[in-house]
Amino acid sequence: MAIDSEAGRCVSADIAAGVSPAAALFHSLSDENRLRIVARLARGEARVVDLVGELGLAQSTVSKHLACLRDCDLVDYRAEGRQSFYSLTRPELMDLLASAEHLLAAAGHAVALRPAQAS
């Protein structure tokens, strides 16, 4: 399934279509660009323009992926003047990504889904 190009939604549309909430959550994390956005936001809040510059994605792409992540309450924003600062809302997400890293490493596929830990 792709992101709904009009509403930028994925999780609510999936659930409305009869997909379980668990499957909808994993679907929201199934896109590499959404994982990159989550990893960046794990380091701290960012504006769309920051994500565009750091990740090398189009503004419309970043906005659609943020809408998807907001739809499942993994990301939210705060307005400051005319700017919006996005951040992760669920610290448990880092636990989920850590478990995925361990599972993939055990299967012989070492990946980094979270930002490197400061020493």
PDB file of N, CA and C in Angstrom:
ATOM      1  N   MET A   1       0.834  -1.182   0.000  1.00  0.00           N
ATOM      2  CA  MET A   1       0.000   0.000   0.000  1.00  0.00           C
ATOM      3  C   MET A   1       0.871   1.235   0.000  1.00  0.00           C
ATOM      4  N   ALA A   2       0.447   2.262  -0.667  1.00  0.00           N
ATOM      5  CA  ALA A   2       1.180   3.519  -0.707  1.00  0.00           C
ATOM      6  C   ALA A   2       0.481   4.528   0.188  1.00  0.00           C
ATOM      7  N   ILE A   3       1.162   5.614   0.422  1.00  0.00           N
ATOM      8  CA  ILE A   3       0.554   6.701   1.172  1.00  0.00           C
ATOM      9  C   ILE A   3      -0.532   7.309   0.303  1.00  0.00           C
ATOM     10  N   ASP A   4      -1.656   7.622   0.887  1.00  0.00           N
ATOM     11  CA  ASP A   4      -2.737   8.290   0.181  1.00  0.00           C
ATOM     12  C   ASP A   4      -2.227   9.660  -0.238  1.00  0.00           C
ATOM     13  N   SER A   5      -2.102   9.893  -1.535  1.00  0.00           N
ATOM     14  CA  SER A   5      -1.485  11.120  -2.023  1.00  0.00           C
ATOM     15  C   SER A   5      -2.287  12.367  -1.680  1.00  0.00           C
ATOM     16  N   GLU A   6      -3.572  12.246  -1.447  1.00  0.00           N
ATOM     17  CA  GLU A   6      -4.372  13.416  -1.117  1.00  0.00           C
ATOM     18  C   GLU A   6      -4.287  13.757   0.358  1.00  0.00           C
ATOM     19  N   ALA A   7      -4.442  12.776   1.213  1.00  0.00           N
ATOM     20  CA  ALA A   7      -4.483  13.054   2.642  1.00  0.00           C
ATOM     21  C   ALA A   7      -3.154  12.815   3.331  1.00  0.00           C
ATOM     22  N   GLY A   8      -2.229  12.104   2.689  1.00  0.00           N
ATOM     23  CA  GLY A   8      -0.969  11.797   3.336  1.00  0.00           C
ATOM     24  C   GLY A   8      -1.119  10.784   4.452  1.00  0.00           C
ATOM     25  N   ARG A   9      -2.190  10.037   4.440  1.00  0.00           N
ATOM     26  CA  ARG A   9      -2.487   9.091   5.515  1.00  0.00           C
ATOM     27  C   ARG A   9      -2.089   7.688   5.118  1.00  0.00           C
ATOM     28  N   CYS A  10      -1.728   6.879   6.103  1.00  0.00           N
ATOM     29  CA  CYS A  10      -1.527   5.470   5.798  1.00  0.00           C
ATOM     30  C   CYS A  10      -2.164   4.605   6.871  1.00  0.00           C
ATOM     31  N   VAL A  11      -1.950   4.882   8.129  1.00  0.00           N
ATOM     32  CA  VAL A  11      -2.429   3.998   9.186  1.00  0.00           C
ATOM     33  C   VAL A  11      -3.943   4.018   9.301  1.00  0.00           C
ATOM     34  N   SER A  12      -4.556   5.172   9.388  1.00  0.00           N
ATOM     35  CA  SER A  12      -6.013   5.230   9.521  1.00  0.00           C
ATOM     36  C   SER A  12      -6.702   4.596   8.323  1.00  0.00           C
ATOM     37  N   ALA A  13      -6.164   4.853   7.133  1.00  0.00           N
ATOM     38  CA  ALA A  13      -6.753   4.255   5.931  1.00  0.00           C
ATOM     39  C   ALA A  13      -6.613   2.747   5.964  1.00  0.00           C
ATOM     40  N   ASP A  14      -5.464   2.244   6.428  1.00  0.00           N
ATOM     41  CA  ASP A  14      -5.271   0.799   6.536  1.00  0.00           C
ATOM     42  C   ASP A  14      -6.275   0.194   7.515  1.00  0.00           C
ATOM     43  N   ILE A  15      -6.414   0.809   8.685  1.00  0.00           N
ATOM     44  CA  ILE A  15      -7.319   0.279   9.701  1.00  0.00           C
ATOM     45  C   ILE A  15      -8.759   0.329   9.189  1.00  0.00           C
ATOM     46  N   ALA A  16      -9.123   1.435   8.523  1.00  0.00           N
ATOM     47  CA  ALA A  16     -10.470   1.549   7.966  1.00  0.00           C
ATOM     48  C   ALA A  16     -10.730   0.475   6.916  1.00  0.00           C
ATOM     49  N   ALA A  17      -9.648   0.036   6.247  1.00  0.00           N
ATOM     50  CA  ALA A  17      -9.786  -0.999   5.217  1.00  0.00           C
ATOM     51  C   ALA A  17      -9.763  -2.402   5.821  1.00  0.00           C
ATOM     52  N   GLY A  18      -9.707  -2.495   7.152  1.00  0.00           N
ATOM     53  CA  GLY A  18      -9.768  -3.784   7.804  1.00  0.00           C
ATOM     54  C   GLY A  18      -8.426  -4.370   8.213  1.00  0.00           C
ATOM     55  N   VAL A  19      -7.352  -3.611   8.042  1.00  0.00           N
ATOM     56  CA  VAL A  19      -6.026  -4.077   8.468  1.00  0.00           C
ATOM     57  C   VAL A  19      -5.920  -3.890   9.978  1.00  0.00           C
ATOM     58  N   SER A  20      -5.330  -4.847  10.673  1.00  0.00           N
ATOM     59  CA  SER A  20      -5.210  -4.740  12.127  1.00  0.00           C
ATOM     60  C   SER A  20      -4.306  -3.566  12.502  1.00  0.00           C
ATOM     61  N   PRO A  21      -4.519  -2.972  13.676  1.00  0.00           N
ATOM     62  CA  PRO A  21      -3.653  -1.869  14.107  1.00  0.00           C
ATOM     63  C   PRO A  21      -2.169  -2.255  14.141  1.00  0.00           C
ATOM     64  N   ALA A  22      -1.853  -3.500  14.521  1.00  0.00           N
ATOM     65  CA  ALA A  22      -0.449  -3.931  14.549  1.00  0.00           C
ATOM     66  C   ALA A  22       0.136  -3.938  13.148  1.00  0.00           C
ATOM     67  N   ALA A  23      -0.611  -4.480  12.192  1.00  0.00           N
ATOM     68  CA  ALA A  23      -0.125  -4.501  10.808  1.00  0.00           C
ATOM     69  C   ALA A  23       0.002  -3.081  10.271  1.00  0.00           C
ATOM     70  N   ALA A  24      -0.937  -2.206  10.628  1.00  0.00           N
ATOM     71  CA  ALA A  24      -0.874  -0.815  10.174  1.00  0.00           C
ATOM     72  C   ALA A  24       0.350  -0.112  10.748  1.00  0.00           C
ATOM     73  N   LEU A  25       0.666  -0.387  12.019  1.00  0.00           N
ATOM     74  CA  LEU A  25       1.875   0.208  12.617  1.00  0.00           C
ATOM     75  C   LEU A  25       3.117  -0.237  11.869  1.00  0.00           C
ATOM     76  N   PHE A  26       3.242  -1.545  11.628  1.00  0.00           N
ATOM     77  CA  PHE A  26       4.424  -2.029  10.920  1.00  0.00           C
ATOM     78  C   PHE A  26       4.452  -1.520   9.482  1.00  0.00           C
ATOM     79  N   HIS A  27       3.285  -1.348   8.886  1.00  0.00           N
ATOM     80  CA  HIS A  27       3.251  -0.760   7.549  1.00  0.00           C
ATOM     81  C   HIS A  27       3.804   0.661   7.583  1.00  0.00           C
ATOM     82  N   SER A  28       3.464   1.418   8.629  1.00  0.00           N
ATOM     83  CA  SER A  28       3.948   2.794   8.715  1.00  0.00           C
ATOM     84  C   SER A  28       5.466   2.851   8.833  1.00  0.00           C
ATOM     85  N   LEU A  29       6.082   1.771   9.297  1.00  0.00           N
ATOM     86  CA  LEU A  29       7.541   1.715   9.425  1.00  0.00           C
ATOM     87  C   LEU A  29       8.184   0.932   8.278  1.00  0.00           C
ATOM     88  N   SER A  30       7.404   0.537   7.289  1.00  0.00           N
ATOM     89  CA  SER A  30       7.930  -0.311   6.225  1.00  0.00           C
ATOM     90  C   SER A  30       8.657   0.460   5.128  1.00  0.00           C
ATOM     91  N   ASP A  31       8.595   1.761   5.167  1.00  0.00           N
ATOM     92  CA  ASP A  31       9.248   2.566   4.140  1.00  0.00           C
ATOM     93  C   ASP A  31      10.609   3.053   4.641  1.00  0.00           C
ATOM     94  N   GLU A  32      11.643   2.883   3.830  1.00  0.00           N
ATOM     95  CA  GLU A  32      12.998   3.280   4.227  1.00  0.00           C
ATOM     96  C   GLU A  32      13.089   4.768   4.547  1.00  0.00           C
ATOM     97  N   ASN A  33      12.397   5.606   3.792  1.00  0.00           N
ATOM     98  CA  ASN A  33      12.459   7.044   4.074  1.00  0.00           C
ATOM     99  C   ASN A  33      11.797   7.384   5.400  1.00  0.00           C
ATOM    100  N   ARG A  34      10.707   6.692   5.748  1.00  0.00           N
ATOM    101  CA  ARG A  34      10.092   6.927   7.052  1.00  0.00           C
ATOM    102  C   ARG A  34      11.025   6.485   8.170  1.00  0.00           C
ATOM    103  N   LEU A  35      11.738   5.366   7.960  1.00  0.00           N
ATOM    104  CA  LEU A  35      12.723   4.938   8.964  1.00  0.00           C
ATOM    105  C   LEU A  35      13.847   5.965   9.097  1.00  0.00           C
ATOM    106  N   ARG A  36      14.269   6.548   7.990  1.00  0.00           N
ATOM    107  CA  ARG A  36      15.307   7.585   8.041  1.00  0.00           C
ATOM    108  C   ARG A  36      14.809   8.820   8.790  1.00  0.00           C
ATOM    109  N   ILE A  37      13.566   9.191   8.575  1.00  0.00           N
ATOM    110  CA  ILE A  37      12.987  10.332   9.291  1.00  0.00           C
ATOM    111  C   ILE A  37      12.911  10.038  10.785  1.00  0.00           C
ATOM    112  N   VAL A  38      12.459   8.843  11.134  1.00  0.00           N
ATOM    113  CA  VAL A  38      12.370   8.454  12.547  1.00  0.00           C
ATOM    114  C   VAL A  38      13.758   8.489  13.189  1.00  0.00           C
ATOM    115  N   ALA A  39      14.760   7.930  12.502  1.00  0.00           N
ATOM    116  CA  ALA A  39      16.122   7.934  13.052  1.00  0.00           C
ATOM    117  C   ALA A  39      16.619   9.360  13.248  1.00  0.00           C
ATOM    118  N   ARG A  40      16.321  10.243  12.310  1.00  0.00           N
ATOM    119  CA  ARG A  40      16.756  11.640  12.463  1.00  0.00           C
ATOM    120  C   ARG A  40      16.037  12.303  13.627  1.00  0.00           C
ATOM    121  N   LEU A  41      14.733  12.074  13.746  1.00  0.00           N
ATOM    122  CA  LEU A  41      13.976  12.693  14.833  1.00  0.00           C
ATOM    123  C   LEU A  41      14.348  12.115  16.196  1.00  0.00           C
ATOM    124  N   ALA A  42      14.913  10.924  16.216  1.00  0.00           N
ATOM    125  CA  ALA A  42      15.389  10.350  17.479  1.00  0.00           C
ATOM    126  C   ALA A  42      16.519  11.184  18.061  1.00  0.00           C
ATOM    127  N   ARG A  43      17.210  11.943  17.227  1.00  0.00           N
ATOM    128  CA  ARG A  43      18.293  12.826  17.686  1.00  0.00           C
ATOM    129  C   ARG A  43      17.770  14.173  18.166  1.00  0.00           C
ATOM    130  N   GLY A  44      16.507  14.472  17.877  1.00  0.00           N
ATOM    131  CA  GLY A  44      15.925  15.740  18.305  1.00  0.00           C
ATOM    132  C   GLY A  44      14.982  16.278  17.248  1.00  0.00           C
ATOM    133  N   GLU A  45      14.226  17.288  17.636  1.00  0.00           N
ATOM    134  CA  GLU A  45      13.215  17.818  16.731  1.00  0.00           C
ATOM    135  C   GLU A  45      13.844  18.469  15.503  1.00  0.00           C
ATOM    136  N   ALA A  46      13.037  18.556  14.448  1.00  0.00           N
ATOM    137  CA  ALA A  46      13.504  19.129  13.186  1.00  0.00           C
ATOM    138  C   ALA A  46      12.322  19.687  12.414  1.00  0.00           C
ATOM    139  N   ARG A  47      12.614  20.675  11.584  1.00  0.00           N
ATOM    140  CA  ARG A  47      11.617  21.233  10.675  1.00  0.00           C
ATOM    141  C   ARG A  47      11.658  20.439   9.369  1.00  0.00           C
ATOM    142  N   VAL A  48      10.622  20.579   8.562  1.00  0.00           N
ATOM    143  CA  VAL A  48      10.600  19.905   7.265  1.00  0.00           C
ATOM    144  C   VAL A  48      11.830  20.310   6.460  1.00  0.00           C
ATOM    145  N   VAL A  49      12.153  21.593   6.450  1.00  0.00           N
ATOM    146  CA  VAL A  49      13.310  22.064   5.677  1.00  0.00           C
ATOM    147  C   VAL A  49      14.599  21.402   6.166  1.00  0.00           C
ATOM    148  N   ASP A  50      14.723  21.154   7.465  1.00  0.00           N
ATOM    149  CA  ASP A  50      15.902  20.465   8.006  1.00  0.00           C
ATOM    150  C   ASP A  50      15.963  19.042   7.473  1.00  0.00           C
ATOM    151  N   LEU A  51      14.828  18.351   7.501  1.00  0.00           N
ATOM    152  CA  LEU A  51      14.778  16.965   7.025  1.00  0.00           C
ATOM    153  C   LEU A  51      15.063  16.886   5.527  1.00  0.00           C
ATOM    154  N   VAL A  52      14.540  17.834   4.769  1.00  0.00           N
ATOM    155  CA  VAL A  52      14.797  17.883   3.328  1.00  0.00           C
ATOM    156  C   VAL A  52      16.296  17.985   3.073  1.00  0.00           C
ATOM    157  N   GLY A  53      16.949  18.919   3.765  1.00  0.00           N
ATOM    158  CA  GLY A  53      18.374  19.127   3.574  1.00  0.00           C
ATOM    159  C   GLY A  53      19.230  17.969   4.041  1.00  0.00           C
ATOM    160  N   GLU A  54      18.892  17.401   5.189  1.00  0.00           N
ATOM    161  CA  GLU A  54      19.709  16.329   5.769  1.00  0.00           C
ATOM    162  C   GLU A  54      19.498  14.989   5.066  1.00  0.00           C
ATOM    163  N   LEU A  55      18.287  14.729   4.610  1.00  0.00           N
ATOM    164  CA  LEU A  55      17.979  13.422   4.021  1.00  0.00           C
ATOM    165  C   LEU A  55      17.993  13.430   2.501  1.00  0.00           C
ATOM    166  N   GLY A  56      18.052  14.628   1.908  1.00  0.00           N
ATOM    167  CA  GLY A  56      18.099  14.719   0.451  1.00  0.00           C
ATOM    168  C   GLY A  56      16.811  14.297  -0.226  1.00  0.00           C
ATOM    169  N   LEU A  57      15.698  14.541   0.427  1.00  0.00           N
ATOM    170  CA  LEU A  57      14.384  14.183  -0.125  1.00  0.00           C
ATOM    171  C   LEU A  57      13.639  15.446  -0.526  1.00  0.00           C
ATOM    172  N   ALA A  58      12.664  15.302  -1.395  1.00  0.00           N
ATOM    173  CA  ALA A  58      11.820  16.428  -1.785  1.00  0.00           C
ATOM    174  C   ALA A  58      10.930  16.834  -0.614  1.00  0.00           C
ATOM    175  N   GLN A  59      10.583  18.099  -0.567  1.00  0.00           N
ATOM    176  CA  GLN A  59       9.735  18.612   0.504  1.00  0.00           C
ATOM    177  C   GLN A  59       8.401  17.874   0.543  1.00  0.00           C
ATOM    178  N   SER A  60       7.818  17.617  -0.616  1.00  0.00           N
ATOM    179  CA  SER A  60       6.528  16.926  -0.654  1.00  0.00           C
ATOM    180  C   SER A  60       6.645  15.502  -0.117  1.00  0.00           C
ATOM    181  N   THR A  61       7.768  14.852  -0.392  1.00  0.00           N
ATOM    182  CA  THR A  61       7.999  13.487   0.105  1.00  0.00           C
ATOM    183  C   THR A  61       8.100  13.489   1.622  1.00  0.00           C
ATOM    184  N   VAL A  62       8.890  14.406   2.163  1.00  0.00           N
ATOM    185  CA  VAL A  62       9.040  14.501   3.618  1.00  0.00           C
ATOM    186  C   VAL A  62       7.691  14.789   4.261  1.00  0.00           C
ATOM    187  N   SER A  63       6.940  15.725   3.710  1.00  0.00           N
ATOM    188  CA  SER A  63       5.645  16.083   4.285  1.00  0.00           C
ATOM    189  C   SER A  63       4.681  14.906   4.287  1.00  0.00           C
ATOM    190  N   LYS A  64       4.636  14.145   3.213  1.00  0.00           N
ATOM    191  CA  LYS A  64       3.742  12.988   3.149  1.00  0.00           C
ATOM    192  C   LYS A  64       4.146  11.918   4.153  1.00  0.00           C
ATOM    193  N   HIS A  65       5.454  11.682   4.286  1.00  0.00           N
ATOM    194  CA  HIS A  65       5.900  10.676   5.249  1.00  0.00           C
ATOM    195  C   HIS A  65       5.651  11.142   6.688  1.00  0.00           C
ATOM    196  N   LEU A  66       5.832  12.424   6.960  1.00  0.00           N
ATOM    197  CA  LEU A  66       5.521  12.941   8.296  1.00  0.00           C
ATOM    198  C   LEU A  66       4.032  12.801   8.589  1.00  0.00           C
ATOM    199  N   ALA A  67       3.194  13.031   7.602  1.00  0.00           N
ATOM    200  CA  ALA A  67       1.748  12.873   7.799  1.00  0.00           C
ATOM    201  C   ALA A  67       1.416  11.427   8.151  1.00  0.00           C
ATOM    202  N   CYS A  68       2.066  10.492   7.502  1.00  0.00           N
ATOM    203  CA  CYS A  68       1.852   9.078   7.798  1.00  0.00           C
ATOM    204  C   CYS A  68       2.273   8.765   9.236  1.00  0.00           C
ATOM    205  N   LEU A  69       3.450   9.235   9.619  1.00  0.00           N
ATOM    206  CA  LEU A  69       3.953   8.980  10.972  1.00  0.00           C
ATOM    207  C   LEU A  69       3.099   9.678  12.027  1.00  0.00           C
ATOM    208  N   ARG A  70       2.557  10.831  11.698  1.00  0.00           N
ATOM    209  CA  ARG A  70       1.642  11.524  12.616  1.00  0.00           C
ATOM    210  C   ARG A  70       0.344  10.754  12.752  1.00  0.00           C
ATOM    211  N   ASP A  71      -0.089  10.140  11.659  1.00  0.00           N
ATOM    212  CA  ASP A  71      -1.351   9.401  11.641  1.00  0.00           C
ATOM    213  C   ASP A  71      -1.341   8.251  12.644  1.00  0.00           C
ATOM    214  N   CYS A  72      -0.185   7.683  12.888  1.00  0.00           N
ATOM    215  CA  CYS A  72      -0.113   6.589  13.867  1.00  0.00           C
ATOM    216  C   CYS A  72       0.470   7.074  15.193  1.00  0.00           C
ATOM    217  N   ASP A  73       0.506   8.375  15.384  1.00  0.00           N
ATOM    218  CA  ASP A  73       0.935   8.995  16.649  1.00  0.00           C
ATOM    219  C   ASP A  73       2.381   8.703  17.022  1.00  0.00           C
ATOM    220  N   LEU A  74       3.225   8.462  16.033  1.00  0.00           N
ATOM    221  CA  LEU A  74       4.647   8.289  16.314  1.00  0.00           C
ATOM    222  C   LEU A  74       5.392   9.616  16.271  1.00  0.00           C
ATOM    223  N   VAL A  75       4.818  10.586  15.567  1.00  0.00           N
ATOM    224  CA  VAL A  75       5.428  11.898  15.386  1.00  0.00           C
ATOM    225  C   VAL A  75       4.356  12.958  15.614  1.00  0.00           C
ATOM    226  N   ASP A  76       4.773  14.072  16.180  1.00  0.00           N
ATOM    227  CA  ASP A  76       3.888  15.226  16.288  1.00  0.00           C
ATOM    228  C   ASP A  76       4.724  16.474  16.063  1.00  0.00           C
ATOM    229  N   TYR A  77       4.100  17.613  16.100  1.00  0.00           N
ATOM    230  CA  TYR A  77       4.833  18.855  15.881  1.00  0.00           C
ATOM    231  C   TYR A  77       4.355  19.921  16.842  1.00  0.00           C
ATOM    232  N   ARG A  78       5.196  20.926  16.985  1.00  0.00           N
ATOM    233  CA  ARG A  78       4.812  22.120  17.736  1.00  0.00           C
ATOM    234  C   ARG A  78       5.063  23.305  16.821  1.00  0.00           C
ATOM    235  N   ALA A  79       4.155  24.242  16.854  1.00  0.00           N
ATOM    236  CA  ALA A  79       4.288  25.433  16.023  1.00  0.00           C
ATOM    237  C   ALA A  79       5.028  26.507  16.809  1.00  0.00           C
ATOM    238  N   GLU A  80       5.928  27.163  16.109  1.00  0.00           N
ATOM    239  CA  GLU A  80       6.632  28.312  16.672  1.00  0.00           C
ATOM    240  C   GLU A  80       6.660  29.374  15.577  1.00  0.00           C
ATOM    241  N   GLY A  81       5.783  30.349  15.722  1.00  0.00           N
ATOM    242  CA  GLY A  81       5.619  31.323  14.649  1.00  0.00           C
ATOM    243  C   GLY A  81       5.069  30.619  13.424  1.00  0.00           C
ATOM    244  N   ARG A  82       5.755  30.788  12.294  1.00  0.00           N
ATOM    245  CA  ARG A  82       5.319  30.157  11.056  1.00  0.00           C
ATOM    246  C   ARG A  82       6.015  28.825  10.807  1.00  0.00           C
ATOM    247  N   GLN A  83       6.784  28.365  11.769  1.00  0.00           N
ATOM    248  CA  GLN A  83       7.535  27.127  11.602  1.00  0.00           C
ATOM    249  C   GLN A  83       6.925  26.010  12.445  1.00  0.00           C
ATOM    250  N   SER A  84       7.082  24.787  11.961  1.00  0.00           N
ATOM    251  CA  SER A  84       6.645  23.597  12.694  1.00  0.00           C
ATOM    252  C   SER A  84       7.870  22.744  12.983  1.00  0.00           C
ATOM    253  N   PHE A  85       7.994  22.344  14.236  1.00  0.00           N
ATOM    254  CA  PHE A  85       9.109  21.509  14.671  1.00  0.00           C
ATOM    255  C   PHE A  85       8.562  20.128  15.004  1.00  0.00           C
ATOM    256  N   TYR A  86       9.038  19.124  14.271  1.00  0.00           N
ATOM    257  CA  TYR A  86       8.577  17.747  14.428  1.00  0.00           C
ATOM    258  C   TYR A  86       9.459  16.998  15.414  1.00  0.00           C
ATOM    259  N   SER A  87       8.833  16.092  16.157  1.00  0.00           N
ATOM    260  CA  SER A  87       9.567  15.255  17.100  1.00  0.00           C
ATOM    261  C   SER A  87       8.833  13.930  17.279  1.00  0.00           C
ATOM    262  N   LEU A  88       9.551  12.959  17.824  1.00  0.00           N
ATOM    263  CA  LEU A  88       8.937  11.665  18.126  1.00  0.00           C
ATOM    264  C   LEU A  88       8.056  11.807  19.357  1.00  0.00           C
ATOM    265  N   THR A  89       6.938  11.120  19.365  1.00  0.00           N
ATOM    266  CA  THR A  89       6.029  11.178  20.508  1.00  0.00           C
ATOM    267  C   THR A  89       6.108   9.930  21.379  1.00  0.00           C
ATOM    268  N   ARG A  90       6.658   8.867  20.850  1.00  0.00           N
ATOM    269  CA  ARG A  90       6.669   7.584  21.551  1.00  0.00           C
ATOM    270  C   ARG A  90       8.094   7.078  21.736  1.00  0.00           C
ATOM    271  N   PRO A  91       8.674   7.256  22.923  1.00  0.00           N
ATOM    272  CA  PRO A  91      10.026   6.744  23.146  1.00  0.00           C
ATOM    273  C   PRO A  91      10.104   5.226  23.006  1.00  0.00           C
ATOM    274  N   GLU A  92       8.972   4.546  23.151  1.00  0.00           N
ATOM    275  CA  GLU A  92       8.939   3.088  22.986  1.00  0.00           C
ATOM    276  C   GLU A  92       9.348   2.667  21.577  1.00  0.00           C
ATOM    277  N   LEU A  93       9.219   3.573  20.642  1.00  0.00           N
ATOM    278  CA  LEU A  93       9.614   3.276  19.273  1.00  0.00           C
ATOM    279  C   LEU A  93      11.095   2.923  19.198  1.00  0.00           C
ATOM    280  N   MET A  94      11.922   3.550  20.009  1.00  0.00           N
ATOM    281  CA  MET A  94      13.352   3.246  20.002  1.00  0.00           C
ATOM    282  C   MET A  94      13.604   1.829  20.519  1.00  0.00           C
ATOM    283  N   ASP A  95      12.790   1.376  21.468  1.00  0.00           N
ATOM    284  CA  ASP A  95      12.893  -0.005  21.947  1.00  0.00           C
ATOM    285  C   ASP A  95      12.540  -0.985  20.829  1.00  0.00           C
ATOM    286  N   LEU A  96      11.487  -0.670  20.085  1.00  0.00           N
ATOM    287  CA  LEU A  96      11.075  -1.514  18.960  1.00  0.00           C
ATOM    288  C   LEU A  96      12.185  -1.585  17.913  1.00  0.00           C
ATOM    289  N   LEU A  97      12.785  -0.441  17.584  1.00  0.00           N
ATOM    290  CA  LEU A  97      13.858  -0.423  16.588  1.00  0.00           C
ATOM    291  C   LEU A  97      15.109  -1.134  17.099  1.00  0.00           C
ATOM    292  N   ALA A  98      15.387  -1.031  18.398  1.00  0.00           N
ATOM    293  CA  ALA A  98      16.524  -1.756  18.971  1.00  0.00           C
ATOM    294  C   ALA A  98      16.297  -3.263  18.850  1.00  0.00           C
ATOM    295  N   SER A  99      15.080  -3.698  19.135  1.00  0.00           N
ATOM    296  CA  SER A  99      14.762  -5.123  18.993  1.00  0.00           C
ATOM    297  C   SER A  99      14.889  -5.568  17.542  1.00  0.00           C
ATOM    298  N   ALA A 100      14.451  -4.736  16.610  1.00  0.00           N
ATOM    299  CA  ALA A 100      14.585  -5.069  15.188  1.00  0.00           C
ATOM    300  C   ALA A 100      16.052  -5.170  14.783  1.00  0.00           C
ATOM    301  N   GLU A 101      16.892  -4.276  15.298  1.00  0.00           N
ATOM    302  CA  GLU A 101      18.327  -4.340  15.016  1.00  0.00           C
ATOM    303  C   GLU A 101      18.911  -5.665  15.500  1.00  0.00           C
ATOM    304  N   HIS A 102      18.554  -6.066  16.724  1.00  0.00           N
ATOM    305  CA  HIS A 102      19.063  -7.325  17.291  1.00  0.00           C
ATOM    306  C   HIS A 102      18.565  -8.528  16.488  1.00  0.00           C
ATOM    307  N   LEU A 103      17.304  -8.517  16.118  1.00  0.00           N
ATOM    308  CA  LEU A 103      16.734  -9.615  15.339  1.00  0.00           C
ATOM    309  C   LEU A 103      17.419  -9.730  13.977  1.00  0.00           C
ATOM    310  N   LEU A 104      17.598  -8.606  13.310  1.00  0.00           N
ATOM    311  CA  LEU A 104      18.256  -8.619  12.002  1.00  0.00           C
ATOM    312  C   LEU A 104      19.716  -9.028  12.115  1.00  0.00           C
ATOM    313  N   ALA A 105      20.409  -8.583  13.167  1.00  0.00           N
ATOM    314  CA  ALA A 105      21.806  -8.974  13.371  1.00  0.00           C
ATOM    315  C   ALA A 105      21.906 -10.482  13.589  1.00  0.00           C
ATOM    316  N   ALA A 106      20.975 -11.047  14.351  1.00  0.00           N
ATOM    317  CA  ALA A 106      20.975 -12.488  14.601  1.00  0.00           C
ATOM    318  C   ALA A 106      20.730 -13.272  13.315  1.00  0.00           C
ATOM    319  N   ALA A 107      20.035 -12.649  12.371  1.00  0.00           N
ATOM    320  CA  ALA A 107      19.769 -13.294  11.090  1.00  0.00           C
ATOM    321  C   ALA A 107      20.857 -12.986  10.056  1.00  0.00           C
ATOM    322  N   GLY A 108      21.927 -12.319  10.518  1.00  0.00           N
ATOM    323  CA  GLY A 108      23.051 -12.029   9.639  1.00  0.00           C
ATOM    324  C   GLY A 108      22.909 -10.763   8.814  1.00  0.00           C
ATOM    325  N   HIS A 109      22.034  -9.871   9.249  1.00  0.00           N
ATOM    326  CA  HIS A 109      21.802  -8.615   8.517  1.00  0.00           C
ATOM    327  C   HIS A 109      21.949  -7.443   9.476  1.00  0.00           C
ATOM    328  N   ALA A 110      23.170  -7.085   9.815  1.00  0.00           N
ATOM    329  CA  ALA A 110      23.392  -5.980  10.737  1.00  0.00           C
ATOM    330  C   ALA A 110      22.962  -4.667  10.092  1.00  0.00           C
ATOM    331  N   VAL A 111      22.078  -3.951  10.764  1.00  0.00           N
ATOM    332  CA  VAL A 111      21.604  -2.646  10.307  1.00  0.00           C
ATOM    333  C   VAL A 111      21.560  -1.705  11.499  1.00  0.00           C
ATOM    334  N   ALA A 112      21.588  -0.426  11.206  1.00  0.00           N
ATOM    335  CA  ALA A 112      21.440   0.607  12.234  1.00  0.00           C
ATOM    336  C   ALA A 112      20.136   1.340  11.970  1.00  0.00           C
ATOM    337  N   LEU A 113      19.154   1.149  12.825  1.00  0.00           N
ATOM    338  CA  LEU A 113      17.864   1.810  12.683  1.00  0.00           C
ATOM    339  C   LEU A 113      17.736   3.004  13.609  1.00  0.00           C
ATOM    340  N   ARG A 114      18.655   3.096  14.565  1.00  0.00           N
ATOM    341  CA  ARG A 114      18.634   4.194  15.538  1.00  0.00           C
ATOM    342  C   ARG A 114      19.935   4.980  15.387  1.00  0.00           C
ATOM    343  N   PRO A 115      19.928   6.226  15.864  1.00  0.00           N
ATOM    344  CA  PRO A 115      21.172   7.002  15.820  1.00  0.00           C
ATOM    345  C   PRO A 115      22.217   6.361  16.721  1.00  0.00           C
ATOM    346  N   ALA A 116      23.480   6.534  16.382  1.00  0.00           N
ATOM    347  CA  ALA A 116      24.561   6.000  17.198  1.00  0.00           C
ATOM    348  C   ALA A 116      24.499   6.608  18.596  1.00  0.00           C
ATOM    349  N   GLN A 117      24.729   5.790  19.579  1.00  0.00           N
ATOM    350  CA  GLN A 117      24.711   6.241  20.971  1.00  0.00           C
ATOM    351  C   GLN A 117      25.988   6.995  21.286  1.00  0.00           C
ATOM    352  N   ALA A 118      25.851   8.122  21.981  1.00  0.00           N
ATOM    353  CA  ALA A 118      27.039   8.899  22.379  1.00  0.00           C
ATOM    354  C   ALA A 118      27.807   8.133  23.441  1.00  0.00           C
ATOM    355  N   SER A 119      29.112   8.173  23.343  1.00  0.00           N
ATOM    356  CA  SER A 119      29.946   7.458  24.326  1.00  0.00           C
ATOM    357  C   SER A 119      30.203   8.300  25.541  1.00  0.00           C
TER     358      SER A 119
END
